[in-house]
Every structure is written in structure tokens, then in C-alpha cells.
Amino acid sequence: MAQVSVNFRMDEDLKKNMEIVCNELGINMTTAFTIFAKKMTREKRIPFEVSVDPFYSESNLKALRESFQQLQEGKVIVKTMEELETMENE
């Protein structure tokens, strides 16, 4: 079977981290991608769950932006852990 080259871009840190994991597994990145391609072709699906991290949902990002704005405007109340624990027990 003829071999072909496939080129694509990825984040430099991601590549370095993937190389580390591949080395720990005793394989190289070409082998890792080949395993992925064979499994995907055989199963006709991405061979793992793909989902959105709920942290980055629009409602959560909105809440974070609002909290950050309140912090910038000085609309915050600072409490120690002891004060919070006392409030909880009241």
C-alpha cells in the first residue's frame, strides 16, 4: 500500500505534550494518528466522546463577565473563611 504525507497545524504545546505521551506509550505521533484513523474508519465515528466543556457555556461566560465587572467596580464583599463558616452556622 502506498504511503502519503498528511500535514496539519496544531498548537506547539499540544504537540510537545502529545509527543511525551506517545513516547510513554512506546509509539510515535505517526503511529498514534494511524491508530486513530484506522479506528475512525472501521467504526465510522470519532472513537471517543466529543463534548463542549460546560465551563465555556454562554451563560457561564456571562456570569463570569458580570462578576469581573463587579470586581473592577469595587462592588465586592470580602469575607474570611472563618466569617463564612460563622455565617453558615447561624
C-alpha atoms as a PDB file:
ATOM      1  CA  MET A   1       0.000   0.000   0.000  1.00  0.00           C
ATOM      2  CA  ALA A   2       1.397   3.414  -0.944  1.00  0.00           C
ATOM      3  CA  GLN A   3       2.255   5.849   1.814  1.00  0.00           C
ATOM      4  CA  VAL A   4       1.211   9.520   1.675  1.00  0.00           C
ATOM      5  CA  SER A   5       2.088  12.541   3.770  1.00  0.00           C
ATOM      6  CA  VAL A   6      -0.578  14.422   5.684  1.00  0.00           C
ATOM      7  CA  ASN A   7       0.238  17.880   7.019  1.00  0.00           C
ATOM      8  CA  PHE A   8      -1.766  19.926   9.506  1.00  0.00           C
ATOM      9  CA  ARG A   9      -1.159  22.554  12.155  1.00  0.00           C
ATOM     10  CA  MET A  10      -1.595  22.302  15.909  1.00  0.00           C
ATOM     11  CA  ASP A  11      -0.629  24.274  18.970  1.00  0.00           C
ATOM     12  CA  GLU A  12       3.062  23.885  19.773  1.00  0.00           C
ATOM     13  CA  ASP A  13       2.458  22.964  23.435  1.00  0.00           C
ATOM     14  CA  LEU A  14      -0.175  20.402  22.438  1.00  0.00           C
ATOM     15  CA  LYS A  15       2.303  18.788  20.024  1.00  0.00           C
ATOM     16  CA  LYS A  16       5.016  18.638  22.689  1.00  0.00           C
ATOM     17  CA  ASN A  17       2.615  17.112  25.223  1.00  0.00           C
ATOM     18  CA  MET A  18       1.362  14.586  22.679  1.00  0.00           C
ATOM     19  CA  GLU A  19       4.946  13.588  21.848  1.00  0.00           C
ATOM     20  CA  ILE A  20       5.586  12.993  25.564  1.00  0.00           C
ATOM     21  CA  VAL A  21       2.521  10.755  25.887  1.00  0.00           C
ATOM     22  CA  CYS A  22       3.384   8.894  22.686  1.00  0.00           C
ATOM     23  CA  ASN A  23       6.922   8.277  23.971  1.00  0.00           C
ATOM     24  CA  GLU A  24       5.498   6.959  27.255  1.00  0.00           C
ATOM     25  CA  LEU A  25       3.331   4.566  25.216  1.00  0.00           C
ATOM     26  CA  GLY A  26       6.313   3.496  23.104  1.00  0.00           C
ATOM     27  CA  ILE A  27       4.899   4.873  19.857  1.00  0.00           C
ATOM     28  CA  ASN A  28       5.443   7.944  17.709  1.00  0.00           C
ATOM     29  CA  MET A  29       2.875  10.512  16.602  1.00  0.00           C
ATOM     30  CA  THR A  30       2.513   8.919  13.152  1.00  0.00           C
ATOM     31  CA  THR A  31       1.518   5.643  14.790  1.00  0.00           C
ATOM     32  CA  ALA A  32      -0.905   7.430  17.123  1.00  0.00           C
ATOM     33  CA  PHE A  33      -2.629   9.204  14.235  1.00  0.00           C
ATOM     34  CA  THR A  34      -2.683   5.981  12.203  1.00  0.00           C
ATOM     35  CA  ILE A  35      -4.380   4.174  15.103  1.00  0.00           C
ATOM     36  CA  PHE A  36      -6.921   6.998  15.297  1.00  0.00           C
ATOM     37  CA  ALA A  37      -7.554   6.927  11.522  1.00  0.00           C
ATOM     38  CA  LYS A  38      -7.976   3.127  11.427  1.00  0.00           C
ATOM     39  CA  LYS A  39     -10.368   3.090  14.371  1.00  0.00           C
ATOM     40  CA  MET A  40     -12.379   6.006  12.971  1.00  0.00           C
ATOM     41  CA  THR A  41     -12.573   4.340   9.544  1.00  0.00           C
ATOM     42  CA  ARG A  42     -13.561   0.976  11.000  1.00  0.00           C
ATOM     43  CA  GLU A  43     -16.234   2.399  13.372  1.00  0.00           C
ATOM     44  CA  LYS A  44     -17.328   5.254  11.073  1.00  0.00           C
ATOM     45  CA  ARG A  45     -17.321   7.660  14.027  1.00  0.00           C
ATOM     46  CA  ILE A  46     -14.929   9.643  16.156  1.00  0.00           C
ATOM     47  CA  PRO A  47     -13.707   6.921  18.531  1.00  0.00           C
ATOM     48  CA  PHE A  48     -14.221   8.928  21.696  1.00  0.00           C
ATOM     49  CA  GLU A  49     -16.803  11.272  23.156  1.00  0.00           C
ATOM     50  CA  VAL A  50     -16.647  14.823  21.877  1.00  0.00           C
ATOM     51  CA  SER A  51     -18.422  17.358  24.047  1.00  0.00           C
ATOM     52  CA  VAL A  52     -18.399  21.005  24.936  1.00  0.00           C
ATOM     53  CA  ASP A  53     -16.846  21.989  28.242  1.00  0.00           C
ATOM     54  CA  PRO A  54     -19.783  23.492  30.197  1.00  0.00           C
ATOM     55  CA  PHE A  55     -17.389  25.992  31.761  1.00  0.00           C
ATOM     56  CA  TYR A  56     -17.366  27.835  28.436  1.00  0.00           C
ATOM     57  CA  SER A  57     -21.154  27.934  28.019  1.00  0.00           C
ATOM     58  CA  GLU A  58     -22.555  31.348  27.136  1.00  0.00           C
ATOM     59  CA  SER A  59     -24.478  31.618  30.423  1.00  0.00           C
ATOM     60  CA  ASN A  60     -21.377  30.829  32.480  1.00  0.00           C
ATOM     61  CA  LEU A  61     -19.216  33.244  30.488  1.00  0.00           C
ATOM     62  CA  LYS A  62     -21.866  35.945  31.001  1.00  0.00           C
ATOM     63  CA  ALA A  63     -21.844  35.325  34.754  1.00  0.00           C
ATOM     64  CA  LEU A  64     -18.042  35.467  34.791  1.00  0.00           C
ATOM     65  CA  ARG A  65     -18.022  38.752  32.849  1.00  0.00           C
ATOM     66  CA  GLU A  66     -20.586  40.236  35.272  1.00  0.00           C
ATOM     67  CA  SER A  67     -18.559  39.084  38.279  1.00  0.00           C
ATOM     68  CA  PHE A  68     -15.379  40.530  36.794  1.00  0.00           C
ATOM     69  CA  GLN A  69     -17.137  43.843  36.147  1.00  0.00           C
ATOM     70  CA  GLN A  70     -18.382  43.946  39.753  1.00  0.00           C
ATOM     71  CA  LEU A  71     -14.844  43.248  40.940  1.00  0.00           C
ATOM     72  CA  GLN A  72     -13.451  46.063  38.775  1.00  0.00           C
ATOM     73  CA  GLU A  73     -16.114  48.462  40.087  1.00  0.00           C
ATOM     74  CA  GLY A  74     -15.310  47.561  43.691  1.00  0.00           C
ATOM     75  CA  LYS A  75     -18.757  46.043  44.269  1.00  0.00           C
ATOM     76  CA  VAL A  76     -17.451  43.133  46.307  1.00  0.00           C
ATOM     77  CA  ILE A  77     -17.643  41.988  49.896  1.00  0.00           C
ATOM     78  CA  VAL A  78     -14.568  40.325  51.333  1.00  0.00           C
ATOM     79  CA  LYS A  79     -15.043  37.630  53.972  1.00  0.00           C
ATOM     80  CA  THR A  80     -12.571  35.271  55.602  1.00  0.00           C
ATOM     81  CA  MET A  81     -13.286  31.545  55.747  1.00  0.00           C
ATOM     82  CA  GLU A  82     -13.941  31.892  59.464  1.00  0.00           C
ATOM     83  CA  GLU A  83     -16.556  34.607  58.827  1.00  0.00           C
ATOM     84  CA  LEU A  84     -18.242  32.480  56.172  1.00  0.00           C
ATOM     85  CA  GLU A  85     -18.295  29.451  58.475  1.00  0.00           C
ATOM     86  CA  THR A  86     -19.817  31.563  61.261  1.00  0.00           C
ATOM     87  CA  MET A  87     -22.499  32.825  58.860  1.00  0.00           C
ATOM     88  CA  GLU A  88     -23.244  29.235  57.802  1.00  0.00           C
ATOM     89  CA  ASN A  89     -23.740  28.103  61.401  1.00  0.00           C
ATOM     90  CA  GLU A  90     -26.094  30.960  62.327  1.00  0.00           C
END
